[in-house]
Amino acid sequence: MVVMPDRTALLVYLPDRVLPQVFELPVGAEQWRERVQRWRTLLAAPDAQAAAHAAQVQGHALYRALFGTLPAEVLSKPRWVIVPDADLHDLPWAALVVDDAAQPTYLVERASVAIAASVDAFNLLSQRPSTGRRAVGAGDAVAEPLLSDDTVQRQSSELALAAARDEVLALREVFGPDTDIALGAQASEAWLRERARTAQWLHIAVHGVLDRENPLRSALLLSPGSGEIDDDGNVTAAEVMSHWTLPGSLVALSACDSASGQAFGGEGLQGLVQALQVVGARSVYGTLWGVDDASTGWLMRALQPRIAAGEELDSALARSQRDWLQRAREAEASWWHDALATLGLDDRLPSAAAKPYFWAGLSVHGATRSEVRR
């Protein structure tokens, strides 16, 4: 996609064709910014019935604006790799609504979606070898307050991340006893940086901080170790690019706003995802907003065995999101889910769990082929 002031060029590449098909959309940069921000505001209020309905309407309008002119042979493809531009980087693509039925059909129910910075970047990351030896996980760190200014919003480090601990501990069930894990105070910056050098799967479940004005200051909040500048617990995107090395790892960032940043024309989105890819990651799972701890933990745990079994990364995410949707819809339609949850026989889902806020914030960036093995 190439977003211009007064229009957008949509270039569609198909596997059996050398040159792309080009479609012109009569929507420019400011219009996209307004529409994306409005939709995201509505998605952030899943418990408000009026907002949820408006979000469904806006989601369908955006789908039509983006893909309404595409031929059926394109729309029927089961796997999509999208290269966004400008404010379209903030779009939760999986949650676009493909029809106007009473119960929405989301794009993720038709196709899996992966995000790439460019076609060349996608091809280069797909060719990057993975030489990591083990799974590494850090979670529920004891973060110190991060120095902030008007552009930095601090996630509260006082809130425990119960689901984060569970998703990190689940790594051992999938990848075996050699999995390297640190929780709480042990999950320090220095500990993670050293073990990341040999990680085939690097799972980080902590609080995150987004700085849109200076995305290289966006950070993951780990536990302070020695207190030195390179072990104070605040892992910024700039520090990742300066001090980290990854061996073609798959990185899962189970942290708020970890896939957000600032778009630079032709260079993708600057932030934590790009920083990790620069230092050696093949693929990164990240989030587009302040995500729900319970639903994100469930999705991450659902992903792990699928990826370990060799499933494609975008397909594994789509199947996990579909499974969450199915559970949520079944719970809304019957009384027995609450009864089982009350008896401790099933997890209690959040209210309005089928709404995109709870599942569509998670996305995958980079290569789609899994190199992770048990």
Protein backbone atom coordinates (compact mmCIF):
# COMPACT_ATOMS: atom_id res chain seq x y z
CA MET A 1 0.00 0.00 0.00
CA VAL A 2 1.13 3.53 -0.75
CA VAL A 3 -0.89 6.21 1.04
CA MET A 4 -0.81 9.64 -0.59
CA PRO A 5 -2.47 12.90 0.47
CA ASP A 6 -5.50 12.42 -1.78
CA ARG A 7 -5.53 8.72 -2.68
CA THR A 8 -4.05 5.32 -1.95
CA ALA A 9 -2.41 2.82 -4.30
CA LEU A 10 -3.12 -0.82 -3.46
CA LEU A 11 -0.63 -3.21 -5.06
CA VAL A 12 -1.72 -6.85 -5.04
CA TYR A 13 0.85 -9.59 -5.59
CA LEU A 14 -0.29 -13.15 -6.33
CA PRO A 15 2.02 -16.19 -6.13
CA ASP A 16 1.62 -17.10 -9.81
CA ARG A 17 2.22 -13.60 -11.21
CA VAL A 18 5.40 -11.57 -11.57
CA LEU A 19 3.86 -8.10 -11.59
CA PRO A 20 1.32 -6.73 -9.13
CA GLN A 21 -2.21 -5.63 -9.92
CA VAL A 22 -2.65 -1.97 -9.01
CA PHE A 23 -5.90 -0.55 -7.61
CA GLU A 24 -6.47 3.11 -6.83
CA LEU A 25 -8.52 3.95 -3.73
CA PRO A 26 -10.04 7.45 -3.45
CA VAL A 27 -9.02 7.83 0.20
CA GLY A 28 -6.04 9.91 1.31
CA ALA A 29 -3.82 10.08 4.38
CA GLU A 30 -5.95 12.38 6.56
CA GLN A 31 -9.11 10.42 5.80
CA TRP A 32 -7.44 7.15 6.79
CA ARG A 33 -6.13 8.73 9.99
CA GLU A 34 -9.57 9.92 11.01
CA ARG A 35 -11.32 6.65 10.11
CA VAL A 36 -8.75 4.39 11.78
CA GLN A 37 -8.69 6.46 14.98
CA ARG A 38 -12.50 6.54 15.13
CA TRP A 39 -12.73 2.77 14.69
CA ARG A 40 -10.08 2.06 17.31
CA THR A 41 -11.88 4.33 19.78
CA LEU A 42 -15.06 2.33 19.26
CA LEU A 43 -13.24 -1.01 19.57
CA ALA A 44 -11.82 0.09 22.94
CA ALA A 45 -15.33 0.11 24.48
CA PRO A 46 -16.52 -3.50 23.97
CA ASP A 47 -19.00 -3.40 26.87
CA ALA A 48 -20.89 -0.40 25.47
CA GLN A 49 -23.59 -1.80 23.19
CA ALA A 50 -23.91 1.35 21.06
CA ALA A 51 -20.14 1.57 20.59
CA ALA A 52 -19.91 -2.12 19.72
CA HIS A 53 -22.58 -1.76 17.04
CA ALA A 54 -20.92 1.35 15.64
CA ALA A 55 -17.57 -0.49 15.60
CA GLN A 56 -19.14 -3.28 13.54
CA VAL A 57 -20.54 -0.76 11.04
CA GLN A 58 -17.22 1.08 10.81
CA GLY A 59 -15.31 -2.19 10.46
CA HIS A 60 -17.40 -3.15 7.44
CA ALA A 61 -17.07 0.33 5.91
CA LEU A 62 -13.28 0.14 6.23
CA TYR A 63 -13.22 -3.33 4.67
CA ARG A 64 -15.20 -2.05 1.69
CA ALA A 65 -13.03 1.05 1.36
CA LEU A 66 -9.86 -1.05 1.37
CA PHE A 67 -10.86 -4.21 -0.48
CA GLY A 68 -14.26 -3.58 -2.07
CA THR A 69 -12.79 -3.27 -5.57
CA LEU A 70 -10.67 -6.44 -5.40
CA PRO A 71 -11.70 -9.38 -7.61
CA ALA A 72 -12.99 -12.62 -6.09
CA GLU A 73 -9.77 -14.48 -6.97
CA VAL A 74 -7.90 -12.19 -4.56
CA LEU A 75 -10.50 -12.06 -1.80
CA SER A 76 -10.76 -15.85 -1.75
CA LYS A 77 -7.09 -16.38 -0.90
CA PRO A 78 -6.81 -18.03 2.56
CA ARG A 79 -3.53 -16.33 3.56
CA TRP A 80 -2.73 -12.63 3.26
CA VAL A 81 0.52 -10.73 3.83
CA ILE A 82 -0.23 -7.02 4.19
CA VAL A 83 2.27 -4.16 3.85
CA PRO A 84 0.54 -1.16 5.48
CA ASP A 85 1.48 2.48 5.11
CA ALA A 86 0.94 5.59 7.26
CA ASP A 87 -1.92 5.25 9.77
CA LEU A 88 -2.98 1.91 8.32
CA HIS A 89 -0.22 0.44 10.52
CA ASP A 90 -2.63 0.97 13.42
CA LEU A 91 -5.38 -1.09 11.82
CA PRO A 92 -6.32 -4.43 13.45
CA TRP A 93 -6.74 -6.18 10.10
CA ALA A 94 -8.16 -9.40 11.50
CA ALA A 95 -11.16 -7.49 12.88
CA LEU A 96 -12.29 -5.95 9.59
CA VAL A 97 -15.92 -6.96 8.97
CA VAL A 98 -16.50 -8.61 5.59
CA ASP A 99 -20.32 -8.49 5.61
CA ASP A 100 -23.22 -6.56 7.10
CA ALA A 101 -24.97 -9.48 8.83
CA ALA A 102 -26.29 -9.18 12.39
CA GLN A 103 -23.45 -11.40 13.62
CA PRO A 104 -20.31 -10.08 11.95
CA THR A 105 -17.97 -12.22 9.91
CA TYR A 106 -14.46 -10.98 10.54
CA LEU A 107 -11.61 -11.10 8.05
CA VAL A 108 -9.78 -13.59 10.29
CA GLU A 109 -12.66 -16.03 9.72
CA ARG A 110 -11.89 -15.96 6.00
CA ALA A 111 -8.11 -15.59 5.91
CA SER A 112 -4.99 -15.45 8.05
CA VAL A 113 -3.08 -12.15 8.08
CA ALA A 114 0.61 -11.38 8.53
CA ILE A 115 2.20 -7.91 8.46
CA ALA A 116 5.41 -6.97 6.66
CA ALA A 117 7.39 -3.74 6.39
CA SER A 118 7.83 -4.26 2.63
CA VAL A 119 7.85 -7.04 0.06
CA ASP A 120 11.66 -7.10 0.10
CA ALA A 121 11.75 -7.20 3.91
CA PHE A 122 9.30 -10.11 3.96
CA ASN A 123 11.42 -12.07 1.48
CA LEU A 124 14.67 -11.34 3.37
CA LEU A 125 13.20 -12.39 6.74
CA SER A 126 11.76 -15.55 5.19
CA GLN A 127 15.28 -16.50 4.08
CA ARG A 128 16.89 -15.71 7.45
CA PRO A 129 18.19 -18.91 9.10
CA SER A 130 17.14 -19.85 12.61
CA THR A 131 20.00 -21.22 14.71
CA GLY A 132 18.51 -20.89 18.18
CA ARG A 133 18.63 -23.91 20.49
CA ARG A 134 15.92 -23.47 23.12
CA ALA A 135 12.80 -21.65 24.22
CA VAL A 136 13.31 -18.73 26.59
CA GLY A 137 10.58 -17.00 28.57
CA ALA A 138 10.42 -14.04 30.95
CA GLY A 139 7.25 -12.80 32.58
CA ASP A 140 5.48 -10.78 35.23
CA ALA A 141 8.59 -8.75 36.00
CA VAL A 142 8.87 -6.44 39.00
CA ALA A 143 9.27 -3.21 37.07
CA GLU A 144 10.56 0.05 38.50
CA PRO A 145 8.85 3.35 37.54
CA LEU A 146 10.01 4.56 34.16
CA LEU A 147 11.05 8.19 33.86
CA SER A 148 8.44 9.82 31.66
CA ASP A 149 7.54 13.05 29.93
CA ASP A 150 4.36 14.21 28.23
CA THR A 151 4.83 11.77 25.36
CA VAL A 152 5.25 8.60 27.42
CA GLN A 153 2.37 6.75 28.99
CA ARG A 154 3.47 4.38 31.75
CA GLN A 155 1.70 1.09 32.22
CA SER A 156 1.12 0.47 35.94
CA SER A 157 3.83 -1.86 37.19
CA GLU A 158 1.85 -2.47 40.36
CA LEU A 159 -0.65 -4.70 38.54
CA ALA A 160 0.30 -8.36 38.61
CA LEU A 161 0.05 -10.20 35.30
CA ALA A 162 -1.38 -13.55 36.36
CA ALA A 163 -1.95 -14.74 32.79
CA ALA A 164 1.58 -13.69 31.86
CA ARG A 165 3.03 -16.07 34.44
CA ASP A 166 0.85 -18.88 33.13
CA GLU A 167 1.81 -18.39 29.49
CA VAL A 168 5.52 -18.37 30.35
CA LEU A 169 5.22 -21.48 32.52
CA ALA A 170 3.32 -23.19 29.69
CA LEU A 171 6.47 -23.01 27.55
CA ARG A 172 7.94 -25.94 29.51
CA GLU A 173 4.90 -28.08 28.78
CA VAL A 174 5.40 -27.49 25.06
CA PHE A 175 9.18 -27.29 24.67
CA GLY A 176 10.36 -29.46 27.56
CA PRO A 177 12.51 -29.09 30.69
CA ASP A 178 15.38 -27.35 28.86
CA THR A 179 13.23 -24.26 28.49
CA ASP A 180 14.84 -21.29 30.24
CA ILE A 181 12.34 -19.34 32.36
CA ALA A 182 12.52 -16.34 34.68
CA LEU A 183 9.57 -14.85 36.56
CA GLY A 184 9.14 -11.87 38.86
CA ALA A 185 12.37 -10.39 40.22
CA GLN A 186 14.46 -12.95 38.31
CA ALA A 187 13.25 -11.62 34.95
CA SER A 188 15.95 -8.98 34.63
CA GLU A 189 17.16 -7.16 31.55
CA ALA A 190 20.65 -8.71 31.69
CA TRP A 191 19.24 -12.23 32.20
CA LEU A 192 17.00 -11.92 29.14
CA ARG A 193 19.56 -10.23 26.91
CA GLU A 194 22.12 -12.99 27.51
CA ARG A 195 19.69 -15.89 26.97
CA ALA A 196 18.13 -14.27 23.91
CA ARG A 197 21.38 -14.95 22.05
CA THR A 198 20.50 -18.65 21.79
CA ALA A 199 16.70 -18.51 21.79
CA GLN A 200 14.69 -20.09 18.99
CA TRP A 201 11.48 -18.94 20.75
CA LEU A 202 11.75 -15.80 22.89
CA HIS A 203 8.61 -15.13 24.93
CA ILE A 204 8.33 -11.87 26.89
CA ALA A 205 5.17 -11.31 28.96
CA VAL A 206 5.54 -8.01 30.80
CA HIS A 207 4.17 -4.47 30.89
CA GLY A 208 4.93 -2.33 27.85
CA VAL A 209 5.32 1.41 27.27
CA LEU A 210 4.66 3.13 23.94
CA ASP A 211 6.30 6.44 22.98
CA ARG A 212 4.77 7.52 19.67
CA GLU A 213 6.82 10.71 19.48
CA ASN A 214 10.10 8.84 19.87
CA PRO A 215 9.37 5.17 19.14
CA LEU A 216 12.96 4.15 19.93
CA ARG A 217 12.08 4.95 23.56
CA SER A 218 9.17 2.48 23.54
CA ALA A 219 10.07 -0.13 26.14
CA LEU A 220 9.48 -3.50 27.74
CA LEU A 221 9.53 -3.31 31.54
CA LEU A 222 11.58 -6.08 33.11
CA SER A 223 12.93 -6.35 36.63
CA PRO A 224 15.92 -4.21 37.63
CA GLY A 225 19.01 -6.33 38.03
CA SER A 226 22.31 -4.74 38.94
CA GLY A 227 20.85 -1.26 38.49
CA GLU A 228 23.45 -0.39 35.85
CA ILE A 229 22.23 1.49 32.78
CA ASP A 230 22.14 -1.74 30.75
CA ASP A 231 20.38 -3.68 33.52
CA ASP A 232 17.84 -1.23 34.93
CA GLY A 233 14.87 -3.23 33.63
CA ASN A 234 13.72 -0.71 31.01
CA VAL A 235 14.45 -2.34 27.63
CA THR A 236 13.91 0.33 24.99
CA ALA A 237 13.85 -0.26 21.24
CA ALA A 238 17.07 1.75 20.99
CA GLU A 239 18.78 -0.53 23.54
CA VAL A 240 17.62 -3.61 21.64
CA MET A 241 19.24 -2.31 18.45
CA SER A 242 22.46 -1.38 20.29
CA HIS A 243 22.99 -4.37 22.61
CA TRP A 244 20.92 -7.39 21.52
CA THR A 245 21.66 -10.23 19.12
CA LEU A 246 19.08 -12.83 18.06
CA PRO A 247 19.70 -16.05 16.09
CA GLY A 248 16.72 -15.89 13.74
CA SER A 249 14.32 -16.14 16.70
CA LEU A 250 10.56 -16.10 16.83
CA VAL A 251 9.74 -13.42 19.41
CA ALA A 252 6.39 -13.18 21.23
CA LEU A 253 5.83 -9.79 22.86
CA SER A 254 2.91 -10.30 25.23
CA ALA A 255 2.99 -6.66 26.30
CA CYS A 256 0.70 -3.70 25.69
CA ASP A 257 1.28 -1.67 22.48
CA SER A 258 4.34 -3.76 21.58
CA ALA A 259 3.58 -3.71 17.83
CA SER A 260 2.82 0.02 17.74
CA GLY A 261 5.20 2.82 16.83
CA GLN A 262 5.64 5.56 14.29
CA ALA A 263 5.38 5.11 10.53
CA PHE A 264 8.12 6.47 8.30
CA GLY A 265 7.36 6.54 4.60
CA GLY A 266 8.89 3.55 2.84
CA GLU A 267 10.63 2.29 6.00
CA GLY A 268 7.81 0.55 7.81
CA LEU A 269 6.94 1.15 11.43
CA GLN A 270 9.72 2.19 13.82
CA GLY A 271 9.43 0.63 17.27
CA LEU A 272 10.06 -2.61 19.17
CA VAL A 273 9.10 -4.97 16.33
CA GLN A 274 11.44 -3.32 13.85
CA ALA A 275 14.24 -3.18 16.43
CA LEU A 276 13.99 -6.92 17.09
CA GLN A 277 14.00 -7.71 13.38
CA VAL A 278 17.06 -5.52 12.86
CA VAL A 279 19.05 -7.57 15.44
CA GLY A 280 18.05 -10.98 14.11
CA ALA A 281 14.41 -11.91 14.75
CA ARG A 282 12.66 -13.68 11.86
CA SER A 283 9.16 -13.02 13.15
CA VAL A 284 7.53 -11.09 15.99
CA TYR A 285 4.12 -11.39 17.60
CA GLY A 286 3.05 -8.06 19.06
CA THR A 287 0.02 -6.09 20.19
CA LEU A 288 -1.70 -2.96 18.88
CA TRP A 289 -3.18 -1.60 22.11
CA GLY A 290 -3.41 -2.02 25.87
CA VAL A 291 -4.54 -5.64 25.70
CA ASP A 292 -6.56 -7.70 28.18
CA ASP A 293 -4.26 -9.90 30.28
CA ALA A 294 -6.56 -12.95 30.39
CA SER A 295 -7.50 -13.13 26.70
CA THR A 296 -3.96 -12.40 25.50
CA GLY A 297 -2.58 -15.08 27.81
CA TRP A 298 -5.13 -17.57 26.45
CA LEU A 299 -4.21 -16.74 22.85
CA MET A 300 -0.50 -17.06 23.56
CA ARG A 301 -0.97 -20.45 25.21
CA ALA A 302 -3.07 -21.59 22.25
CA LEU A 303 -0.33 -20.53 19.83
CA GLN A 304 2.54 -22.37 21.48
CA PRO A 305 1.75 -26.02 20.64
CA ARG A 306 0.61 -25.13 17.14
CA ILE A 307 3.86 -23.36 16.34
CA ALA A 308 5.95 -26.08 17.99
CA ALA A 309 4.21 -28.58 15.69
CA GLY A 310 5.36 -26.59 12.65
CA GLU A 311 2.18 -24.69 11.79
CA GLU A 312 2.65 -21.46 9.83
CA LEU A 313 2.75 -18.47 12.16
CA ASP A 314 -0.11 -16.55 10.57
CA SER A 315 -2.28 -19.68 10.39
CA ALA A 316 -1.58 -20.54 14.02
CA LEU A 317 -2.65 -17.04 15.09
CA ALA A 318 -5.79 -17.11 12.95
CA ARG A 319 -6.84 -20.52 14.28
CA SER A 320 -6.28 -19.39 17.86
CA GLN A 321 -8.33 -16.25 17.30
CA ARG A 322 -11.11 -18.29 15.67
CA ASP A 323 -11.11 -20.69 18.61
CA TRP A 324 -11.46 -17.77 21.03
CA LEU A 325 -14.32 -16.37 18.95
CA GLN A 326 -16.11 -19.70 18.93
CA ARG A 327 -15.79 -20.10 22.70
CA ALA A 328 -16.99 -16.54 23.27
CA ARG A 329 -19.99 -16.89 20.99
CA GLU A 330 -20.97 -20.19 22.57
CA ALA A 331 -20.72 -18.63 26.02
CA GLU A 332 -22.93 -15.72 24.99
CA ALA A 333 -25.56 -18.08 23.58
CA SER A 334 -25.99 -20.36 26.61
CA TRP A 335 -26.16 -20.34 30.38
CA TRP A 336 -23.93 -23.34 31.04
CA HIS A 337 -20.65 -21.49 30.53
CA ASP A 338 -21.26 -19.35 33.63
CA ALA A 339 -22.33 -22.45 35.55
CA LEU A 340 -19.15 -24.35 34.65
CA ALA A 341 -17.00 -21.31 35.46
CA THR A 342 -18.72 -20.93 38.84
CA LEU A 343 -17.92 -24.58 39.59
CA GLY A 344 -14.29 -24.06 38.54
CA LEU A 345 -14.66 -26.43 35.58
CA ASP A 346 -13.96 -23.82 32.90
CA ASP A 347 -12.30 -20.42 32.56
CA ARG A 348 -14.63 -17.48 32.98
CA LEU A 349 -14.53 -15.36 29.84
CA PRO A 350 -14.60 -11.57 30.03
CA SER A 351 -17.87 -9.81 29.33
CA ALA A 352 -18.33 -9.22 25.57
CA ALA A 353 -15.41 -11.61 24.91
CA ALA A 354 -16.34 -12.01 21.23
CA LYS A 355 -15.66 -8.34 20.54
CA PRO A 356 -12.38 -7.60 18.70
CA TYR A 357 -10.85 -5.75 21.67
CA PHE A 358 -10.17 -9.09 23.34
CA TRP A 359 -8.53 -10.94 20.43
CA ALA A 360 -7.73 -8.69 17.44
CA GLY A 361 -4.92 -6.67 19.05
CA LEU A 362 -2.45 -9.53 18.53
CA SER A 363 -0.65 -9.62 15.16
CA VAL A 364 2.35 -11.34 13.56
CA HIS A 365 5.11 -9.45 11.73
CA GLY A 366 7.77 -10.83 9.41
CA ALA A 367 8.34 -14.35 8.10
CA THR A 368 5.37 -16.70 8.33
CA ARG A 369 7.13 -20.07 8.18
CA SER A 370 7.85 -21.53 11.60
CA GLU A 371 11.40 -22.66 12.31
CA VAL A 372 10.60 -23.46 15.95
CA ARG A 373 10.74 -27.10 16.98
CA ARG A 374 10.33 -29.01 20.23
